[in-house]
Each structure stands twice: as C-alpha cells, then as structure tokens.
Amino acid sequence: MARTLEPLTKKIFKGILVAELVGLFGAYFLFSKMHTSQDFRQTMSKKYPFILEVYYKSTEKSGMYGIRELDQKTWLNSKN
C-alpha cells in the first residue's frame, strides 16, 4: 500500500512546490513593478487598493518613507 502512494505523494509535493514558486515570483514581480512605476501604483489604487496598502506598509516597515505622500501629492496635482 505504501509503495502505491509514493508516486502520488511525490506528484502532490511537486505541485505544491511549483505553486509556491509561482506565487513567490508573482509577488516579487508585483512588488518590483509597483516600486518602479508610479503609474502602476495609481492603477493599483483604483483597482486593488488593499494590495497597494500592503505595498506602502511593507516599504515603510523597511525604512523607506515618503512614497505614499509623494504619490498622493502627484495624483492630487494631476487632477487640478
């Protein structure tokens, strides 16, 4: 019985590992894109504000302050 479950267990483990890696690279790509593009952050603020809030909080925790304020100032000036 244990021998028949072994290939299935390996497939499940590989599937979980691949899903974790895809999620990790996706999160890195999203953070990188938000970190380098103010336009992308503005798009995110309209579509997914909760994700942008996580970005702002993570950058503030890492010691990079002022990104949120700069974005708000720029977006406010562009409306006027």
PDB file of N, CA and C in Angstrom:
ATOM      1  N   MET A   1       0.823  -1.196   0.000  1.00  0.00           N
ATOM      2  CA  MET A   1       0.000   0.000   0.000  1.00  0.00           C
ATOM      3  C   MET A   1       0.866   1.259   0.000  1.00  0.00           C
ATOM      4  N   ALA A   2       1.935   1.254   0.788  1.00  0.00           N
ATOM      5  CA  ALA A   2       2.800   2.432   0.881  1.00  0.00           C
ATOM      6  C   ALA A   2       3.504   2.691  -0.442  1.00  0.00           C
ATOM      7  N   ARG A   3       3.816   1.626  -1.164  1.00  0.00           N
ATOM      8  CA  ARG A   3       4.502   1.790  -2.442  1.00  0.00           C
ATOM      9  C   ARG A   3       3.598   2.464  -3.484  1.00  0.00           C
ATOM     10  N   THR A   4       2.320   2.207  -3.467  1.00  0.00           N
ATOM     11  CA  THR A   4       1.418   2.797  -4.452  1.00  0.00           C
ATOM     12  C   THR A   4       1.153   4.272  -4.173  1.00  0.00           C
ATOM     13  N   LEU A   5       1.267   4.700  -2.939  1.00  0.00           N
ATOM     14  CA  LEU A   5       1.043   6.104  -2.592  1.00  0.00           C
ATOM     15  C   LEU A   5       2.278   6.961  -2.837  1.00  0.00           C
ATOM     16  N   GLU A   6       3.430   6.341  -2.923  1.00  0.00           N
ATOM     17  CA  GLU A   6       4.676   7.097  -3.077  1.00  0.00           C
ATOM     18  C   GLU A   6       4.699   7.977  -4.332  1.00  0.00           C
ATOM     19  N   PRO A   7       4.367   7.482  -5.522  1.00  0.00           N
ATOM     20  CA  PRO A   7       4.365   8.359  -6.698  1.00  0.00           C
ATOM     21  C   PRO A   7       3.332   9.482  -6.589  1.00  0.00           C
ATOM     22  N   LEU A   8       2.175   9.184  -6.013  1.00  0.00           N
ATOM     23  CA  LEU A   8       1.140  10.199  -5.830  1.00  0.00           C
ATOM     24  C   LEU A   8       1.621  11.288  -4.871  1.00  0.00           C
ATOM     25  N   THR A   9       2.275  10.890  -3.811  1.00  0.00           N
ATOM     26  CA  THR A   9       2.799  11.847  -2.835  1.00  0.00           C
ATOM     27  C   THR A   9       3.847  12.745  -3.474  1.00  0.00           C
ATOM     28  N   LYS A  10       4.709  12.174  -4.292  1.00  0.00           N
ATOM     29  CA  LYS A  10       5.726  12.977  -4.974  1.00  0.00           C
ATOM     30  C   LYS A  10       5.093  13.975  -5.931  1.00  0.00           C
ATOM     31  N   LYS A  11       4.058  13.562  -6.658  1.00  0.00           N
ATOM     32  CA  LYS A  11       3.367  14.472  -7.580  1.00  0.00           C
ATOM     33  C   LYS A  11       2.697  15.616  -6.826  1.00  0.00           C
ATOM     34  N   ILE A  12       2.062  15.302  -5.712  1.00  0.00           N
ATOM     35  CA  ILE A  12       1.417  16.341  -4.906  1.00  0.00           C
ATOM     36  C   ILE A  12       2.454  17.311  -4.361  1.00  0.00           C
ATOM     37  N   PHE A  13       3.551  16.787  -3.866  1.00  0.00           N
ATOM     38  CA  PHE A  13       4.618  17.636  -3.332  1.00  0.00           C
ATOM     39  C   PHE A  13       5.195  18.546  -4.417  1.00  0.00           C
ATOM     40  N   LYS A  14       5.428  17.998  -5.604  1.00  0.00           N
ATOM     41  CA  LYS A  14       5.945  18.810  -6.708  1.00  0.00           C
ATOM     42  C   LYS A  14       4.949  19.886  -7.108  1.00  0.00           C
ATOM     43  N   GLY A  15       3.660  19.540  -7.115  1.00  0.00           N
ATOM     44  CA  GLY A  15       2.625  20.516  -7.447  1.00  0.00           C
ATOM     45  C   GLY A  15       2.582  21.659  -6.447  1.00  0.00           C
ATOM     46  N   ILE A  16       2.682  21.325  -5.172  1.00  0.00           N
ATOM     47  CA  ILE A  16       2.688  22.352  -4.128  1.00  0.00           C
ATOM     48  C   ILE A  16       3.932  23.217  -4.243  1.00  0.00           C
ATOM     49  N   LEU A  17       5.065  22.613  -4.515  1.00  0.00           N
ATOM     50  CA  LEU A  17       6.315  23.351  -4.667  1.00  0.00           C
ATOM     51  C   LEU A  17       6.250  24.312  -5.852  1.00  0.00           C
ATOM     52  N   VAL A  18       5.719  23.856  -6.961  1.00  0.00           N
ATOM     53  CA  VAL A  18       5.582  24.713  -8.143  1.00  0.00           C
ATOM     54  C   VAL A  18       4.631  25.871  -7.852  1.00  0.00           C
ATOM     55  N   ALA A  19       3.515  25.584  -7.168  1.00  0.00           N
ATOM     56  CA  ALA A  19       2.561  26.644  -6.823  1.00  0.00           C
ATOM     57  C   ALA A  19       3.214  27.689  -5.910  1.00  0.00           C
ATOM     58  N   GLU A  20       4.007  27.245  -4.957  1.00  0.00           N
ATOM     59  CA  GLU A  20       4.717  28.165  -4.059  1.00  0.00           C
ATOM     60  C   GLU A  20       5.703  29.038  -4.834  1.00  0.00           C
ATOM     61  N   LEU A  21       6.443  28.448  -5.752  1.00  0.00           N
ATOM     62  CA  LEU A  21       7.418  29.207  -6.535  1.00  0.00           C
ATOM     63  C   LEU A  21       6.736  30.222  -7.457  1.00  0.00           C
ATOM     64  N   VAL A  22       5.628  29.826  -8.070  1.00  0.00           N
ATOM     65  CA  VAL A  22       4.878  30.748  -8.922  1.00  0.00           C
ATOM     66  C   VAL A  22       4.367  31.919  -8.090  1.00  0.00           C
ATOM     67  N   GLY A  23       3.852  31.639  -6.910  1.00  0.00           N
ATOM     68  CA  GLY A  23       3.377  32.689  -6.018  1.00  0.00           C
ATOM     69  C   GLY A  23       4.491  33.612  -5.577  1.00  0.00           C
ATOM     70  N   LEU A  24       5.646  33.062  -5.274  1.00  0.00           N
ATOM     71  CA  LEU A  24       6.795  33.863  -4.843  1.00  0.00           C
ATOM     72  C   LEU A  24       7.271  34.788  -5.960  1.00  0.00           C
ATOM     73  N   PHE A  25       7.426  34.250  -7.155  1.00  0.00           N
ATOM     74  CA  PHE A  25       7.872  35.077  -8.277  1.00  0.00           C
ATOM     75  C   PHE A  25       6.807  36.104  -8.675  1.00  0.00           C
ATOM     76  N   GLY A  26       5.537  35.741  -8.559  1.00  0.00           N
ATOM     77  CA  GLY A  26       4.457  36.683  -8.838  1.00  0.00           C
ATOM     78  C   GLY A  26       4.468  37.845  -7.863  1.00  0.00           C
ATOM     79  N   ALA A  27       4.668  37.548  -6.585  1.00  0.00           N
ATOM     80  CA  ALA A  27       4.727  38.606  -5.572  1.00  0.00           C
ATOM     81  C   ALA A  27       5.936  39.504  -5.806  1.00  0.00           C
ATOM     82  N   TYR A  28       7.072  38.906  -6.157  1.00  0.00           N
ATOM     83  CA  TYR A  28       8.271  39.706  -6.431  1.00  0.00           C
ATOM     84  C   TYR A  28       8.053  40.614  -7.640  1.00  0.00           C
ATOM     85  N   PHE A  29       7.449  40.075  -8.702  1.00  0.00           N
ATOM     86  CA  PHE A  29       7.191  40.872  -9.901  1.00  0.00           C
ATOM     87  C   PHE A  29       6.250  42.027  -9.584  1.00  0.00           C
ATOM     88  N   LEU A  30       5.194  41.753  -8.822  1.00  0.00           N
ATOM     89  CA  LEU A  30       4.230  42.789  -8.466  1.00  0.00           C
ATOM     90  C   LEU A  30       4.885  43.878  -7.628  1.00  0.00           C
ATOM     91  N   PHE A  31       5.691  43.494  -6.630  1.00  0.00           N
ATOM     92  CA  PHE A  31       6.385  44.473  -5.799  1.00  0.00           C
ATOM     93  C   PHE A  31       7.348  45.297  -6.635  1.00  0.00           C
ATOM     94  N   SER A  32       8.099  44.635  -7.496  1.00  0.00           N
ATOM     95  CA  SER A  32       9.066  45.330  -8.341  1.00  0.00           C
ATOM     96  C   SER A  32       8.376  46.335  -9.254  1.00  0.00           C
ATOM     97  N   LYS A  33       7.275  45.932  -9.847  1.00  0.00           N
ATOM     98  CA  LYS A  33       6.524  46.809 -10.749  1.00  0.00           C
ATOM     99  C   LYS A  33       5.966  48.018  -9.986  1.00  0.00           C
ATOM    100  N   MET A  34       5.437  47.777  -8.790  1.00  0.00           N
ATOM    101  CA  MET A  34       4.904  48.885  -8.000  1.00  0.00           C
ATOM    102  C   MET A  34       6.015  49.808  -7.518  1.00  0.00           C
ATOM    103  N   HIS A  35       7.167  49.244  -7.245  1.00  0.00           N
ATOM    104  CA  HIS A  35       8.278  50.039  -6.721  1.00  0.00           C
ATOM    105  C   HIS A  35       8.883  50.952  -7.790  1.00  0.00           C
ATOM    106  N   THR A  36       8.780  50.565  -9.043  1.00  0.00           N
ATOM    107  CA  THR A  36       9.432  51.343 -10.105  1.00  0.00           C
ATOM    108  C   THR A  36       8.481  52.207 -10.918  1.00  0.00           C
ATOM    109  N   SER A  37       7.161  52.008 -10.792  1.00  0.00           N
ATOM    110  CA  SER A  37       6.231  52.729 -11.648  1.00  0.00           C
ATOM    111  C   SER A  37       5.109  53.388 -10.837  1.00  0.00           C
ATOM    112  N   GLN A  38       5.138  54.713 -10.800  1.00  0.00           N
ATOM    113  CA  GLN A  38       4.086  55.443 -10.102  1.00  0.00           C
ATOM    114  C   GLN A  38       2.748  55.300 -10.831  1.00  0.00           C
ATOM    115  N   ASP A  39       2.775  55.207 -12.143  1.00  0.00           N
ATOM    116  CA  ASP A  39       1.546  54.995 -12.908  1.00  0.00           C
ATOM    117  C   ASP A  39       0.897  53.655 -12.555  1.00  0.00           C
ATOM    118  N   PHE A  40       1.722  52.632 -12.380  1.00  0.00           N
ATOM    119  CA  PHE A  40       1.194  51.325 -11.998  1.00  0.00           C
ATOM    120  C   PHE A  40       0.589  51.380 -10.599  1.00  0.00           C
ATOM    121  N   ARG A  41       1.226  52.123  -9.693  1.00  0.00           N
ATOM    122  CA  ARG A  41       0.663  52.284  -8.346  1.00  0.00           C
ATOM    123  C   ARG A  41      -0.684  52.996  -8.405  1.00  0.00           C
ATOM    124  N   GLN A  42      -0.825  53.965  -9.313  1.00  0.00           N
ATOM    125  CA  GLN A  42      -2.094  54.659  -9.448  1.00  0.00           C
ATOM    126  C   GLN A  42      -3.174  53.705  -9.969  1.00  0.00           C
ATOM    127  N   THR A  43      -2.816  52.869 -10.913  1.00  0.00           N
ATOM    128  CA  THR A  43      -3.749  51.858 -11.413  1.00  0.00           C
ATOM    129  C   THR A  43      -4.150  50.906 -10.289  1.00  0.00           C
ATOM    130  N   MET A  44      -3.171  50.499  -9.495  1.00  0.00           N
ATOM    131  CA  MET A  44      -3.456  49.607  -8.373  1.00  0.00           C
ATOM    132  C   MET A  44      -4.347  50.287  -7.343  1.00  0.00           C
ATOM    133  N   SER A  45      -4.185  51.598  -7.151  1.00  0.00           N
ATOM    134  CA  SER A  45      -5.017  52.300  -6.158  1.00  0.00           C
ATOM    135  C   SER A  45      -6.478  52.331  -6.588  1.00  0.00           C
ATOM    136  N   LYS A  46      -6.717  52.293  -7.890  1.00  0.00           N
ATOM    137  CA  LYS A  46      -8.093  52.294  -8.392  1.00  0.00           C
ATOM    138  C   LYS A  46      -8.703  50.891  -8.386  1.00  0.00           C
ATOM    139  N   LYS A  47      -7.910  49.897  -8.764  1.00  0.00           N
ATOM    140  CA  LYS A  47      -8.443  48.546  -8.910  1.00  0.00           C
ATOM    141  C   LYS A  47      -8.301  47.699  -7.641  1.00  0.00           C
ATOM    142  N   TYR A  48      -7.144  47.766  -7.014  1.00  0.00           N
ATOM    143  CA  TYR A  48      -6.841  46.918  -5.852  1.00  0.00           C
ATOM    144  C   TYR A  48      -6.189  47.747  -4.743  1.00  0.00           C
ATOM    145  N   PRO A  49      -6.944  48.614  -4.077  1.00  0.00           N
ATOM    146  CA  PRO A  49      -6.329  49.484  -3.064  1.00  0.00           C
ATOM    147  C   PRO A  49      -5.740  48.719  -1.877  1.00  0.00           C
ATOM    148  N   PHE A  50      -6.284  47.558  -1.554  1.00  0.00           N
ATOM    149  CA  PHE A  50      -5.756  46.791  -0.430  1.00  0.00           C
ATOM    150  C   PHE A  50      -4.347  46.263  -0.720  1.00  0.00           C
ATOM    151  N   ILE A  51      -4.049  45.934  -1.969  1.00  0.00           N
ATOM    152  CA  ILE A  51      -2.709  45.474  -2.334  1.00  0.00           C
ATOM    153  C   ILE A  51      -1.728  46.638  -2.262  1.00  0.00           C
ATOM    154  N   LEU A  52      -2.163  47.805  -2.704  1.00  0.00           N
ATOM    155  CA  LEU A  52      -1.302  48.988  -2.627  1.00  0.00           C
ATOM    156  C   LEU A  52      -1.013  49.340  -1.170  1.00  0.00           C
ATOM    157  N   GLU A  53      -1.996  49.168  -0.303  1.00  0.00           N
ATOM    158  CA  GLU A  53      -1.792  49.445   1.126  1.00  0.00           C
ATOM    159  C   GLU A  53      -0.735  48.509   1.701  1.00  0.00           C
ATOM    160  N   VAL A  54      -0.752  47.250   1.308  1.00  0.00           N
ATOM    161  CA  VAL A  54       0.273  46.293   1.752  1.00  0.00           C
ATOM    162  C   VAL A  54       1.645  46.744   1.258  1.00  0.00           C
ATOM    163  N   TYR A  55       1.718  47.223   0.024  1.00  0.00           N
ATOM    164  CA  TYR A  55       2.984  47.720  -0.527  1.00  0.00           C
ATOM    165  C   TYR A  55       3.500  48.894   0.306  1.00  0.00           C
ATOM    166  N   TYR A  56       2.621  49.869   0.573  1.00  0.00           N
ATOM    167  CA  TYR A  56       3.035  51.034   1.355  1.00  0.00           C
ATOM    168  C   TYR A  56       3.516  50.630   2.749  1.00  0.00           C
ATOM    169  N   LYS A  57       2.784  49.747   3.392  1.00  0.00           N
ATOM    170  CA  LYS A  57       3.168  49.331   4.744  1.00  0.00           C
ATOM    171  C   LYS A  57       4.495  48.568   4.740  1.00  0.00           C
ATOM    172  N   SER A  58       4.701  47.731   3.739  1.00  0.00           N
ATOM    173  CA  SER A  58       5.955  46.965   3.702  1.00  0.00           C
ATOM    174  C   SER A  58       7.153  47.871   3.434  1.00  0.00           C
ATOM    175  N   THR A  59       6.981  48.874   2.580  1.00  0.00           N
ATOM    176  CA  THR A  59       8.109  49.790   2.337  1.00  0.00           C
ATOM    177  C   THR A  59       8.374  50.665   3.553  1.00  0.00           C
ATOM    178  N   GLU A  60       7.314  51.064   4.265  1.00  0.00           N
ATOM    179  CA  GLU A  60       7.514  51.866   5.464  1.00  0.00           C
ATOM    180  C   GLU A  60       8.188  51.057   6.563  1.00  0.00           C
ATOM    181  N   LYS A  61       7.840  49.775   6.678  1.00  0.00           N
ATOM    182  CA  LYS A  61       8.488  48.917   7.672  1.00  0.00           C
ATOM    183  C   LYS A  61       9.966  48.709   7.357  1.00  0.00           C
ATOM    184  N   SER A  62      10.302  48.734   6.066  1.00  0.00           N
ATOM    185  CA  SER A  62      11.706  48.529   5.690  1.00  0.00           C
ATOM    186  C   SER A  62      12.510  49.829   5.761  1.00  0.00           C
ATOM    187  N   GLY A  63      11.848  50.934   6.130  1.00  0.00           N
ATOM    188  CA  GLY A  63      12.566  52.188   6.339  1.00  0.00           C
ATOM    189  C   GLY A  63      12.499  53.171   5.185  1.00  0.00           C
ATOM    190  N   MET A  64      11.723  52.876   4.168  1.00  0.00           N
ATOM    191  CA  MET A  64      11.578  53.787   3.030  1.00  0.00           C
ATOM    192  C   MET A  64      10.290  54.580   3.198  1.00  0.00           C
ATOM    193  N   TYR A  65      10.420  55.798   3.691  1.00  0.00           N
ATOM    194  CA  TYR A  65       9.249  56.632   3.955  1.00  0.00           C
ATOM    195  C   TYR A  65       9.055  57.647   2.846  1.00  0.00           C
ATOM    196  N   GLY A  66       7.821  58.102   2.685  1.00  0.00           N
ATOM    197  CA  GLY A  66       7.526  59.184   1.765  1.00  0.00           C
ATOM    198  C   GLY A  66       6.942  58.783   0.437  1.00  0.00           C
ATOM    199  N   ILE A  67       6.886  57.505   0.132  1.00  0.00           N
ATOM    200  CA  ILE A  67       6.361  57.065  -1.164  1.00  0.00           C
ATOM    201  C   ILE A  67       4.864  57.354  -1.239  1.00  0.00           C
ATOM    202  N   ARG A  68       4.150  57.031  -0.174  1.00  0.00           N
ATOM    203  CA  ARG A  68       2.707  57.257  -0.145  1.00  0.00           C
ATOM    204  C   ARG A  68       2.397  58.751  -0.301  1.00  0.00           C
ATOM    205  N   GLU A  69       3.104  59.583   0.439  1.00  0.00           N
ATOM    206  CA  GLU A  69       2.867  61.021   0.389  1.00  0.00           C
ATOM    207  C   GLU A  69       3.190  61.599  -0.984  1.00  0.00           C
ATOM    208  N   LEU A  70       4.279  61.134  -1.572  1.00  0.00           N
ATOM    209  CA  LEU A  70       4.658  61.597  -2.912  1.00  0.00           C
ATOM    210  C   LEU A  70       3.599  61.204  -3.944  1.00  0.00           C
ATOM    211  N   ASP A  71       3.107  59.979  -3.847  1.00  0.00           N
ATOM    212  CA  ASP A  71       2.051  59.536  -4.760  1.00  0.00           C
ATOM    213  C   ASP A  71       0.800  60.389  -4.608  1.00  0.00           C
ATOM    214  N   GLN A  72       0.365  60.596  -3.371  1.00  0.00           N
ATOM    215  CA  GLN A  72      -0.852  61.375  -3.138  1.00  0.00           C
ATOM    216  C   GLN A  72      -0.691  62.802  -3.646  1.00  0.00           C
ATOM    217  N   LYS A  73       0.472  63.395  -3.415  1.00  0.00           N
ATOM    218  CA  LYS A  73       0.730  64.760  -3.880  1.00  0.00           C
ATOM    219  C   LYS A  73       0.700  64.822  -5.408  1.00  0.00           C
ATOM    220  N   THR A  74       1.356  63.876  -6.060  1.00  0.00           N
ATOM    221  CA  THR A  74       1.412  63.844  -7.520  1.00  0.00           C
ATOM    222  C   THR A  74       0.020  63.630  -8.119  1.00  0.00           C
ATOM    223  N   TRP A  75      -0.736  62.699  -7.553  1.00  0.00           N
ATOM    224  CA  TRP A  75      -2.069  62.405  -8.086  1.00  0.00           C
ATOM    225  C   TRP A  75      -3.023  63.557  -7.853  1.00  0.00           C
ATOM    226  N   LEU A  76      -2.873  64.243  -6.732  1.00  0.00           N
ATOM    227  CA  LEU A  76      -3.716  65.411  -6.468  1.00  0.00           C
ATOM    228  C   LEU A  76      -3.397  66.537  -7.441  1.00  0.00           C
ATOM    229  N   ASN A  77      -2.111  66.769  -7.706  1.00  0.00           N
ATOM    230  CA  ASN A  77      -1.710  67.817  -8.651  1.00  0.00           C
ATOM    231  C   ASN A  77      -2.138  67.489 -10.084  1.00  0.00           C
ATOM    232  N   SER A  78      -2.176  66.218 -10.433  1.00  0.00           N
ATOM    233  CA  SER A  78      -2.558  65.840 -11.797  1.00  0.00           C
ATOM    234  C   SER A  78      -4.069  66.008 -12.017  1.00  0.00           C
ATOM    235  N   LYS A  79      -4.853  65.981 -10.934  1.00  0.00           N
ATOM    236  CA  LYS A  79      -6.294  66.202 -11.069  1.00  0.00           C
ATOM    237  C   LYS A  79      -6.610  67.668 -11.285  1.00  0.00           C
ATOM    238  N   ASN A  80      -5.772  68.550 -10.757  1.00  0.00           N
ATOM    239  CA  ASN A  80      -6.020  70.003 -10.875  1.00  0.00           C
ATOM    240  C   ASN A  80      -5.596  70.570 -12.187  1.00  0.00           C
TER     241      ASN A  80
END
